[in-house]
PDB file of N, CA and C in Angstrom:
ATOM      1  N   MET A   1      10.089  15.556  -4.336  1.00  0.00           N
ATOM      2  CA  MET A   1       9.684  14.676  -3.267  1.00  0.00           C
ATOM      3  C   MET A   1      10.838  13.764  -2.857  1.00  0.00           C
ATOM      4  N   GLN A   2      11.587  13.288  -3.848  1.00  0.00           N
ATOM      5  CA  GLN A   2      12.723  12.413  -3.556  1.00  0.00           C
ATOM      6  C   GLN A   2      13.744  13.151  -2.686  1.00  0.00           C
ATOM      7  N   GLN A   3      13.994  14.422  -2.969  1.00  0.00           N
ATOM      8  CA  GLN A   3      14.948  15.198  -2.174  1.00  0.00           C
ATOM      9  C   GLN A   3      14.467  15.327  -0.735  1.00  0.00           C
ATOM     10  N   LEU A   4      13.161  15.515  -0.561  1.00  0.00           N
ATOM     11  CA  LEU A   4      12.587  15.601   0.782  1.00  0.00           C
ATOM     12  C   LEU A   4      12.807  14.292   1.533  1.00  0.00           C
ATOM     13  N   ALA A   5      12.618  13.169   0.865  1.00  0.00           N
ATOM     14  CA  ALA A   5      12.813  11.865   1.493  1.00  0.00           C
ATOM     15  C   ALA A   5      14.266  11.670   1.907  1.00  0.00           C
ATOM     16  N   VAL A   6      15.198  12.055   1.058  1.00  0.00           N
ATOM     17  CA  VAL A   6      16.624  11.936   1.378  1.00  0.00           C
ATOM     18  C   VAL A   6      16.959  12.829   2.573  1.00  0.00           C
ATOM     19  N   HIS A   7      16.475  14.055   2.560  1.00  0.00           N
ATOM     20  CA  HIS A   7      16.714  15.006   3.656  1.00  0.00           C
ATOM     21  C   HIS A   7      16.170  14.433   4.973  1.00  0.00           C
ATOM     22  N   ALA A   8      14.956  13.893   4.942  1.00  0.00           N
ATOM     23  CA  ALA A   8      14.349  13.334   6.144  1.00  0.00           C
ATOM     24  C   ALA A   8      15.116  12.103   6.614  1.00  0.00           C
ATOM     25  N   SER A   9      15.513  11.248   5.673  1.00  0.00           N
ATOM     26  CA  SER A   9      16.223  10.025   6.012  1.00  0.00           C
ATOM     27  C   SER A   9      17.522  10.324   6.750  1.00  0.00           C
ATOM     28  N   ARG A  10      18.205  11.361   6.332  1.00  0.00           N
ATOM     29  CA  ARG A  10      19.461  11.744   6.993  1.00  0.00           C
ATOM     30  C   ARG A  10      19.237  12.176   8.430  1.00  0.00           C
ATOM     31  N   ARG A  11      18.003  12.500   8.746  1.00  0.00           N
ATOM     32  CA  ARG A  11      17.657  12.920  10.104  1.00  0.00           C
ATOM     33  C   ARG A  11      16.875  11.846  10.857  1.00  0.00           C
ATOM     34  N   GLY A  12      16.859  10.631  10.297  1.00  0.00           N
ATOM     35  CA  GLY A  12      16.221   9.517  10.974  1.00  0.00           C
ATOM     36  C   GLY A  12      14.710   9.456  10.818  1.00  0.00           C
ATOM     37  N   VAL A  13      14.175  10.168   9.832  1.00  0.00           N
ATOM     38  CA  VAL A  13      12.738  10.170   9.601  1.00  0.00           C
ATOM     39  C   VAL A  13      12.465   9.469   8.280  1.00  0.00           C
ATOM     40  N   GLU A  14      11.513   8.549   8.281  1.00  0.00           N
ATOM     41  CA  GLU A  14      11.180   7.827   7.059  1.00  0.00           C
ATOM     42  C   GLU A  14       9.936   8.429   6.423  1.00  0.00           C
ATOM     43  N   ILE A  15      10.010   8.716   5.137  1.00  0.00           N
ATOM     44  CA  ILE A  15       8.879   9.251   4.385  1.00  0.00           C
ATOM     45  C   ILE A  15       8.609   8.326   3.214  1.00  0.00           C
ATOM     46  N   ASP A  16       7.353   7.971   3.048  1.00  0.00           N
ATOM     47  CA  ASP A  16       6.961   7.115   1.924  1.00  0.00           C
ATOM     48  C   ASP A  16       6.801   7.991   0.690  1.00  0.00           C
ATOM     49  N   VAL A  17       7.629   7.759  -0.316  1.00  0.00           N
ATOM     50  CA  VAL A  17       7.542   8.541  -1.553  1.00  0.00           C
ATOM     51  C   VAL A  17       6.885   7.733  -2.673  1.00  0.00           C
ATOM     52  N   THR A  18       6.344   6.576  -2.325  1.00  0.00           N
ATOM     53  CA  THR A  18       5.625   5.774  -3.306  1.00  0.00           C
ATOM     54  C   THR A  18       4.306   6.462  -3.621  1.00  0.00           C
ATOM     55  N   THR A  19       3.973   6.540  -4.890  1.00  0.00           N
ATOM     56  CA  THR A  19       2.724   7.194  -5.260  1.00  0.00           C
ATOM     57  C   THR A  19       1.567   6.197  -5.233  1.00  0.00           C
ATOM     58  N   ASN A  20       0.359   6.729  -5.185  1.00  0.00           N
ATOM     59  CA  ASN A  20      -0.824   5.877  -5.247  1.00  0.00           C
ATOM     60  C   ASN A  20      -0.799   5.032  -6.518  1.00  0.00           C
ATOM     61  N   ALA A  21      -0.410   5.652  -7.631  1.00  0.00           N
ATOM     62  CA  ALA A  21      -0.357   4.924  -8.905  1.00  0.00           C
ATOM     63  C   ALA A  21       0.640   3.763  -8.825  1.00  0.00           C
ATOM     64  N   ASP A  22       1.782   3.976  -8.158  1.00  0.00           N
ATOM     65  CA  ASP A  22       2.763   2.900  -7.984  1.00  0.00           C
ATOM     66  C   ASP A  22       2.157   1.730  -7.210  1.00  0.00           C
ATOM     67  N   ARG A  23       1.462   2.043  -6.122  1.00  0.00           N
ATOM     68  CA  ARG A  23       0.864   0.987  -5.304  1.00  0.00           C
ATOM     69  C   ARG A  23      -0.217   0.242  -6.079  1.00  0.00           C
ATOM     70  N   ARG A  24      -1.052   0.970  -6.813  1.00  0.00           N
ATOM     71  CA  ARG A  24      -2.091   0.319  -7.627  1.00  0.00           C
ATOM     72  C   ARG A  24      -1.461  -0.628  -8.650  1.00  0.00           C
ATOM     73  N   ARG A  25      -0.427  -0.155  -9.328  1.00  0.00           N
ATOM     74  CA  ARG A  25       0.226  -0.970 -10.357  1.00  0.00           C
ATOM     75  C   ARG A  25       0.750  -2.270  -9.768  1.00  0.00           C
ATOM     76  N   VAL A  26       1.394  -2.191  -8.602  1.00  0.00           N
ATOM     77  CA  VAL A  26       1.973  -3.378  -7.969  1.00  0.00           C
ATOM     78  C   VAL A  26       0.880  -4.350  -7.532  1.00  0.00           C
ATOM     79  N   VAL A  27      -0.169  -3.845  -6.908  1.00  0.00           N
ATOM     80  CA  VAL A  27      -1.249  -4.713  -6.425  1.00  0.00           C
ATOM     81  C   VAL A  27      -2.030  -5.305  -7.591  1.00  0.00           C
ATOM     82  N   PHE A  28      -2.375  -4.480  -8.588  1.00  0.00           N
ATOM     83  CA  PHE A  28      -3.204  -4.952  -9.696  1.00  0.00           C
ATOM     84  C   PHE A  28      -2.464  -5.908 -10.635  1.00  0.00           C
ATOM     85  N   ALA A  29      -1.176  -6.069 -10.449  1.00  0.00           N
ATOM     86  CA  ALA A  29      -0.424  -7.070 -11.210  1.00  0.00           C
ATOM     87  C   ALA A  29      -0.774  -8.486 -10.744  1.00  0.00           C
ATOM     88  N   HIS A  30      -1.482  -8.588  -9.632  1.00  0.00           N
ATOM     89  CA  HIS A  30      -1.855  -9.877  -9.045  1.00  0.00           C
ATOM     90  C   HIS A  30      -3.360  -9.865  -8.799  1.00  0.00           C
ATOM     91  N   GLN A  31      -4.100 -10.510  -9.679  1.00  0.00           N
ATOM     92  CA  GLN A  31      -5.561 -10.449  -9.620  1.00  0.00           C
ATOM     93  C   GLN A  31      -6.122 -10.907  -8.279  1.00  0.00           C
ATOM     94  N   ASP A  32      -5.532 -11.943  -7.682  1.00  0.00           N
ATOM     95  CA  ASP A  32      -6.052 -12.416  -6.396  1.00  0.00           C
ATOM     96  C   ASP A  32      -5.903 -11.359  -5.310  1.00  0.00           C
ATOM     97  N   LEU A  33      -4.818 -10.589  -5.361  1.00  0.00           N
ATOM     98  CA  LEU A  33      -4.637  -9.521  -4.374  1.00  0.00           C
ATOM     99  C   LEU A  33      -5.599  -8.368  -4.647  1.00  0.00           C
ATOM    100  N   ALA A  34      -5.775  -8.027  -5.907  1.00  0.00           N
ATOM    101  CA  ALA A  34      -6.733  -6.974  -6.256  1.00  0.00           C
ATOM    102  C   ALA A  34      -8.130  -7.379  -5.799  1.00  0.00           C
ATOM    103  N   ASP A  35      -8.474  -8.640  -5.961  1.00  0.00           N
ATOM    104  CA  ASP A  35      -9.796  -9.120  -5.545  1.00  0.00           C
ATOM    105  C   ASP A  35     -10.001  -9.002  -4.041  1.00  0.00           C
ATOM    106  N   ARG A  36      -8.931  -9.080  -3.275  1.00  0.00           N
ATOM    107  CA  ARG A  36      -9.049  -8.947  -1.807  1.00  0.00           C
ATOM    108  C   ARG A  36      -9.531  -7.555  -1.400  1.00  0.00           C
ATOM    109  N   LEU A  37      -9.431  -6.594  -2.291  1.00  0.00           N
ATOM    110  CA  LEU A  37      -9.933  -5.248  -1.990  1.00  0.00           C
ATOM    111  C   LEU A  37     -11.456  -5.239  -1.838  1.00  0.00           C
ATOM    112  N   THR A  38     -12.114  -6.248  -2.362  1.00  0.00           N
ATOM    113  CA  THR A  38     -13.582  -6.311  -2.276  1.00  0.00           C
ATOM    114  C   THR A  38     -14.052  -7.062  -1.027  1.00  0.00           C
ATOM    115  N   GLU A  39     -13.111  -7.585  -0.262  1.00  0.00           N
ATOM    116  CA  GLU A  39     -13.452  -8.354   0.938  1.00  0.00           C
ATOM    117  C   GLU A  39     -13.435  -7.458   2.177  1.00  0.00           C
ATOM    118  N   HIS A  40     -14.034  -7.974   3.253  1.00  0.00           N
ATOM    119  CA  HIS A  40     -14.036  -7.275   4.535  1.00  0.00           C
ATOM    120  C   HIS A  40     -12.603  -7.160   5.051  1.00  0.00           C
ATOM    121  N   PRO A  41     -12.168  -6.062   5.585  1.00  0.00           N
ATOM    122  CA  PRO A  41     -12.902  -4.869   5.970  1.00  0.00           C
ATOM    123  C   PRO A  41     -12.917  -3.753   4.916  1.00  0.00           C
ATOM    124  N   LEU A  42     -12.368  -4.017   3.740  1.00  0.00           N
ATOM    125  CA  LEU A  42     -12.283  -2.954   2.729  1.00  0.00           C
ATOM    126  C   LEU A  42     -13.609  -2.773   1.993  1.00  0.00           C
ATOM    127  N   ASN A  43     -14.175  -3.876   1.517  1.00  0.00           N
ATOM    128  CA  ASN A  43     -15.518  -3.877   0.935  1.00  0.00           C
ATOM    129  C   ASN A  43     -15.722  -2.951  -0.258  1.00  0.00           C
ATOM    130  N   TYR A  44     -14.691  -2.789  -1.086  1.00  0.00           N
ATOM    131  CA  TYR A  44     -14.913  -2.055  -2.328  1.00  0.00           C
ATOM    132  C   TYR A  44     -15.839  -2.891  -3.205  1.00  0.00           C
ATOM    133  N   GLN A  45     -16.714  -2.237  -3.962  1.00  0.00           N
ATOM    134  CA  GLN A  45     -17.576  -2.987  -4.875  1.00  0.00           C
ATOM    135  C   GLN A  45     -16.763  -3.587  -6.012  1.00  0.00           C
ATOM    136  N   ARG A  46     -15.724  -2.850  -6.440  1.00  0.00           N
ATOM    137  CA  ARG A  46     -14.810  -3.313  -7.493  1.00  0.00           C
ATOM    138  C   ARG A  46     -13.396  -2.936  -7.072  1.00  0.00           C
ATOM    139  N   PRO A  47     -12.417  -3.771  -7.383  1.00  0.00           N
ATOM    140  CA  PRO A  47     -11.033  -3.443  -7.009  1.00  0.00           C
ATOM    141  C   PRO A  47     -10.564  -2.096  -7.552  1.00  0.00           C
ATOM    142  N   ASP A  48     -10.999  -1.730  -8.758  1.00  0.00           N
ATOM    143  CA  ASP A  48     -10.510  -0.494  -9.366  1.00  0.00           C
ATOM    144  C   ASP A  48     -10.992   0.770  -8.657  1.00  0.00           C
ATOM    145  N   GLN A  49     -11.839   0.629  -7.644  1.00  0.00           N
ATOM    146  CA  GLN A  49     -12.257   1.791  -6.859  1.00  0.00           C
ATOM    147  C   GLN A  49     -11.171   2.249  -5.888  1.00  0.00           C
ATOM    148  N   TRP A  50     -10.237   1.368  -5.591  1.00  0.00           N
ATOM    149  CA  TRP A  50      -9.138   1.741  -4.690  1.00  0.00           C
ATOM    150  C   TRP A  50      -8.193   2.670  -5.431  1.00  0.00           C
ATOM    151  N   THR A  51      -7.891   3.801  -4.827  1.00  0.00           N
ATOM    152  CA  THR A  51      -7.025   4.805  -5.458  1.00  0.00           C
ATOM    153  C   THR A  51      -5.547   4.490  -5.321  1.00  0.00           C
ATOM    154  N   GLY A  52      -5.215   3.545  -4.445  1.00  0.00           N
ATOM    155  CA  GLY A  52      -3.820   3.261  -4.150  1.00  0.00           C
ATOM    156  C   GLY A  52      -3.386   3.891  -2.836  1.00  0.00           C
ATOM    157  N   TYR A  53      -4.275   4.658  -2.237  1.00  0.00           N
ATOM    158  CA  TYR A  53      -3.962   5.334  -0.976  1.00  0.00           C
ATOM    159  C   TYR A  53      -3.941   4.338   0.175  1.00  0.00           C
ATOM    160  N   ILE A  54      -2.907   4.442   0.996  1.00  0.00           N
ATOM    161  CA  ILE A  54      -2.825   3.714   2.253  1.00  0.00           C
ATOM    162  C   ILE A  54      -2.679   4.756   3.350  1.00  0.00           C
ATOM    163  N   PRO A  55      -3.594   4.773   4.318  1.00  0.00           N
ATOM    164  CA  PRO A  55      -3.511   5.768   5.390  1.00  0.00           C
ATOM    165  C   PRO A  55      -2.176   5.691   6.129  1.00  0.00           C
ATOM    166  N   PRO A  56      -1.762   6.802   6.723  1.00  0.00           N
ATOM    167  CA  PRO A  56      -0.468   6.834   7.422  1.00  0.00           C
ATOM    168  C   PRO A  56      -0.441   5.922   8.644  1.00  0.00           C
ATOM    169  N   ALA A  57       0.766   5.487   8.993  1.00  0.00           N
ATOM    170  CA  ALA A  57       0.953   4.614  10.155  1.00  0.00           C
ATOM    171  C   ALA A  57       0.652   5.338  11.461  1.00  0.00           C
ATOM    172  N   MET A  58       0.858   6.637  11.453  1.00  0.00           N
ATOM    173  CA  MET A  58       0.573   7.446  12.645  1.00  0.00           C
ATOM    174  C   MET A  58      -0.527   8.437  12.307  1.00  0.00           C
ATOM    175  N   TRP A  59      -1.455   8.625  13.251  1.00  0.00           N
ATOM    176  CA  TRP A  59      -2.546   9.565  13.050  1.00  0.00           C
ATOM    177  C   TRP A  59      -2.724  10.376  14.324  1.00  0.00           C
ATOM    178  N   GLN A  60      -2.536  11.664  14.205  1.00  0.00           N
ATOM    179  CA  GLN A  60      -2.631  12.581  15.343  1.00  0.00           C
ATOM    180  C   GLN A  60      -1.748  12.133  16.504  1.00  0.00           C
ATOM    181  N   GLY A  61      -0.545  11.690  16.145  1.00  0.00           N
ATOM    182  CA  GLY A  61       0.447  11.304  17.143  1.00  0.00           C
ATOM    183  C   GLY A  61       0.272   9.917  17.729  1.00  0.00           C
ATOM    184  N   LEU A  62      -0.707   9.180  17.253  1.00  0.00           N
ATOM    185  CA  LEU A  62      -0.961   7.831  17.762  1.00  0.00           C
ATOM    186  C   LEU A  62      -0.859   6.824  16.626  1.00  0.00           C
ATOM    187  N   PRO A  63      -0.503   5.577  16.952  1.00  0.00           N
ATOM    188  CA  PRO A  63      -0.465   4.552  15.900  1.00  0.00           C
ATOM    189  C   PRO A  63      -1.852   4.383  15.263  1.00  0.00           C
ATOM    190  N   ASN A  64      -1.883   4.277  13.966  1.00  0.00           N
ATOM    191  CA  ASN A  64      -3.132   4.070  13.244  1.00  0.00           C
ATOM    192  C   ASN A  64      -3.423   2.575  13.229  1.00  0.00           C
ATOM    193  N   ARG A  65      -4.374   2.145  14.009  1.00  0.00           N
ATOM    194  CA  ARG A  65      -4.706   0.727  14.149  1.00  0.00           C
ATOM    195  C   ARG A  65      -5.980   0.361  13.376  1.00  0.00           C
ATOM    196  N   SER A  66      -6.272   1.113  12.353  1.00  0.00           N
ATOM    197  CA  SER A  66      -7.465   0.870  11.549  1.00  0.00           C
ATOM    198  C   SER A  66      -7.390  -0.491  10.862  1.00  0.00           C
ATOM    199  N   PRO A  67      -8.461  -1.295  10.937  1.00  0.00           N
ATOM    200  CA  PRO A  67      -8.483  -2.576  10.225  1.00  0.00           C
ATOM    201  C   PRO A  67      -8.355  -2.381   8.708  1.00  0.00           C
ATOM    202  N   ARG A  68      -8.869  -1.284   8.189  1.00  0.00           N
ATOM    203  CA  ARG A  68      -8.745  -0.998   6.761  1.00  0.00           C
ATOM    204  C   ARG A  68      -7.278  -0.774   6.405  1.00  0.00           C
ATOM    205  N   ARG A  69      -6.570   0.001   7.220  1.00  0.00           N
ATOM    206  CA  ARG A  69      -5.149   0.244   6.957  1.00  0.00           C
ATOM    207  C   ARG A  69      -4.379  -1.068   7.019  1.00  0.00           C
ATOM    208  N   ASP A  70      -4.648  -1.857   8.050  1.00  0.00           N
ATOM    209  CA  ASP A  70      -3.954  -3.145   8.194  1.00  0.00           C
ATOM    210  C   ASP A  70      -4.167  -4.024   6.966  1.00  0.00           C
ATOM    211  N   ALA A  71      -5.403  -4.068   6.458  1.00  0.00           N
ATOM    212  CA  ALA A  71      -5.708  -4.896   5.286  1.00  0.00           C
ATOM    213  C   ALA A  71      -4.976  -4.374   4.053  1.00  0.00           C
ATOM    214  N   LEU A  72      -4.970  -3.057   3.856  1.00  0.00           N
ATOM    215  CA  LEU A  72      -4.279  -2.485   2.699  1.00  0.00           C
ATOM    216  C   LEU A  72      -2.775  -2.734   2.769  1.00  0.00           C
ATOM    217  N   VAL A  73      -2.204  -2.576   3.948  1.00  0.00           N
ATOM    218  CA  VAL A  73      -0.770  -2.820   4.122  1.00  0.00           C
ATOM    219  C   VAL A  73      -0.447  -4.276   3.820  1.00  0.00           C
ATOM    220  N   ALA A  74      -1.270  -5.197   4.315  1.00  0.00           N
ATOM    221  CA  ALA A  74      -1.024  -6.619   4.079  1.00  0.00           C
ATOM    222  C   ALA A  74      -1.084  -6.954   2.589  1.00  0.00           C
ATOM    223  N   ILE A  75      -2.068  -6.413   1.893  1.00  0.00           N
ATOM    224  CA  ILE A  75      -2.198  -6.659   0.451  1.00  0.00           C
ATOM    225  C   ILE A  75      -0.996  -6.087  -0.285  1.00  0.00           C
ATOM    226  N   TYR A  76      -0.642  -4.855   0.029  1.00  0.00           N
ATOM    227  CA  TYR A  76       0.471  -4.194  -0.655  1.00  0.00           C
ATOM    228  C   TYR A  76       1.797  -4.904  -0.373  1.00  0.00           C
ATOM    229  N   GLU A  77       2.027  -5.268   0.877  1.00  0.00           N
ATOM    230  CA  GLU A  77       3.280  -5.953   1.214  1.00  0.00           C
ATOM    231  C   GLU A  77       3.375  -7.308   0.520  1.00  0.00           C
ATOM    232  N   GLU A  78       2.263  -8.020   0.397  1.00  0.00           N
ATOM    233  CA  GLU A  78       2.274  -9.293  -0.323  1.00  0.00           C
ATOM    234  C   GLU A  78       2.597  -9.064  -1.795  1.00  0.00           C
ATOM    235  N   ALA A  79       2.021  -8.020  -2.374  1.00  0.00           N
ATOM    236  CA  ALA A  79       2.304  -7.698  -3.777  1.00  0.00           C
ATOM    237  C   ALA A  79       3.777  -7.349  -3.962  1.00  0.00           C
ATOM    238  N   LEU A  80       4.341  -6.582  -3.046  1.00  0.00           N
ATOM    239  CA  LEU A  80       5.764  -6.241  -3.121  1.00  0.00           C
ATOM    240  C   LEU A  80       6.630  -7.484  -3.003  1.00  0.00           C
ATOM    241  N   SER A  81       6.259  -8.365  -2.084  1.00  0.00           N
ATOM    242  CA  SER A  81       7.014  -9.604  -1.887  1.00  0.00           C
ATOM    243  C   SER A  81       7.012 -10.442  -3.162  1.00  0.00           C
ATOM    244  N   ARG A  82       5.844 -10.565  -3.765  1.00  0.00           N
ATOM    245  CA  ARG A  82       5.758 -11.340  -5.006  1.00  0.00           C
ATOM    246  C   ARG A  82       6.578 -10.693  -6.113  1.00  0.00           C
ATOM    247  N   SER A  83       6.517  -9.384  -6.200  1.00  0.00           N
ATOM    248  CA  SER A  83       7.281  -8.674  -7.231  1.00  0.00           C
ATOM    249  C   SER A  83       8.776  -8.876  -7.033  1.00  0.00           C
ATOM    250  N   ALA A  84       9.217  -8.833  -5.773  1.00  0.00           N
ATOM    251  CA  ALA A  84      10.634  -9.025  -5.466  1.00  0.00           C
ATOM    252  C   ALA A  84      11.095 -10.435  -5.830  1.00  0.00           C
ATOM    253  N   GLN A  85      10.182 -11.393  -5.738  1.00  0.00           N
ATOM    254  CA  GLN A  85      10.504 -12.773  -6.061  1.00  0.00           C
ATOM    255  C   GLN A  85      10.302 -13.070  -7.539  1.00  0.00           C
ATOM    256  N   GLY A  86       9.877 -12.059  -8.280  1.00  0.00           N
ATOM    257  CA  GLY A  86       9.697 -12.224  -9.715  1.00  0.00           C
ATOM    258  C   GLY A  86       8.429 -12.966 -10.096  1.00  0.00           C
ATOM    259  N   GLN A  87       7.492 -13.056  -9.166  1.00  0.00           N
ATOM    260  CA  GLN A  87       6.234 -13.739  -9.472  1.00  0.00           C
ATOM    261  C   GLN A  87       5.341 -12.811 -10.274  1.00  0.00           C
ATOM    262  N   VAL A  88       4.786 -13.339 -11.334  1.00  0.00           N
ATOM    263  CA  VAL A  88       3.868 -12.584 -12.177  1.00  0.00           C
ATOM    264  C   VAL A  88       2.542 -13.294 -12.149  1.00  0.00           C
ATOM    265  N   ALA A  89       1.473 -12.493 -12.141  1.00  0.00           N
ATOM    266  CA  ALA A  89       0.137 -13.087 -12.122  1.00  0.00           C
ATOM    267  C   ALA A  89      -0.091 -13.955 -13.344  1.00  0.00           C
ATOM    268  N   ALA A  90      -0.776 -15.047 -13.134  1.00  0.00           N
ATOM    269  CA  ALA A  90      -1.069 -15.970 -14.241  1.00  0.00           C
ATOM    270  C   ALA A  90      -2.322 -15.562 -14.980  1.00  0.00           C
TER     271      ALA A  90
END
């Protein structure tokens, strides 16, 4: 998969090679972010029901403007930001 990403990148195409497990690990390191998975518009009964999947940015050639996707991206990006800053959940 990494080779595919490098090949695509050289041609100006970005491919997300992050796995669902990677995304879950990053988000679940912050309990408040994991808890947001149970809020609208995601509405999981428990945070651990989220597989780590984030729908693609493009769907059938059009931008994916799903509120669920937007919420997942926001949660994941916040988790990445905290990780980059060395913040660990208390």
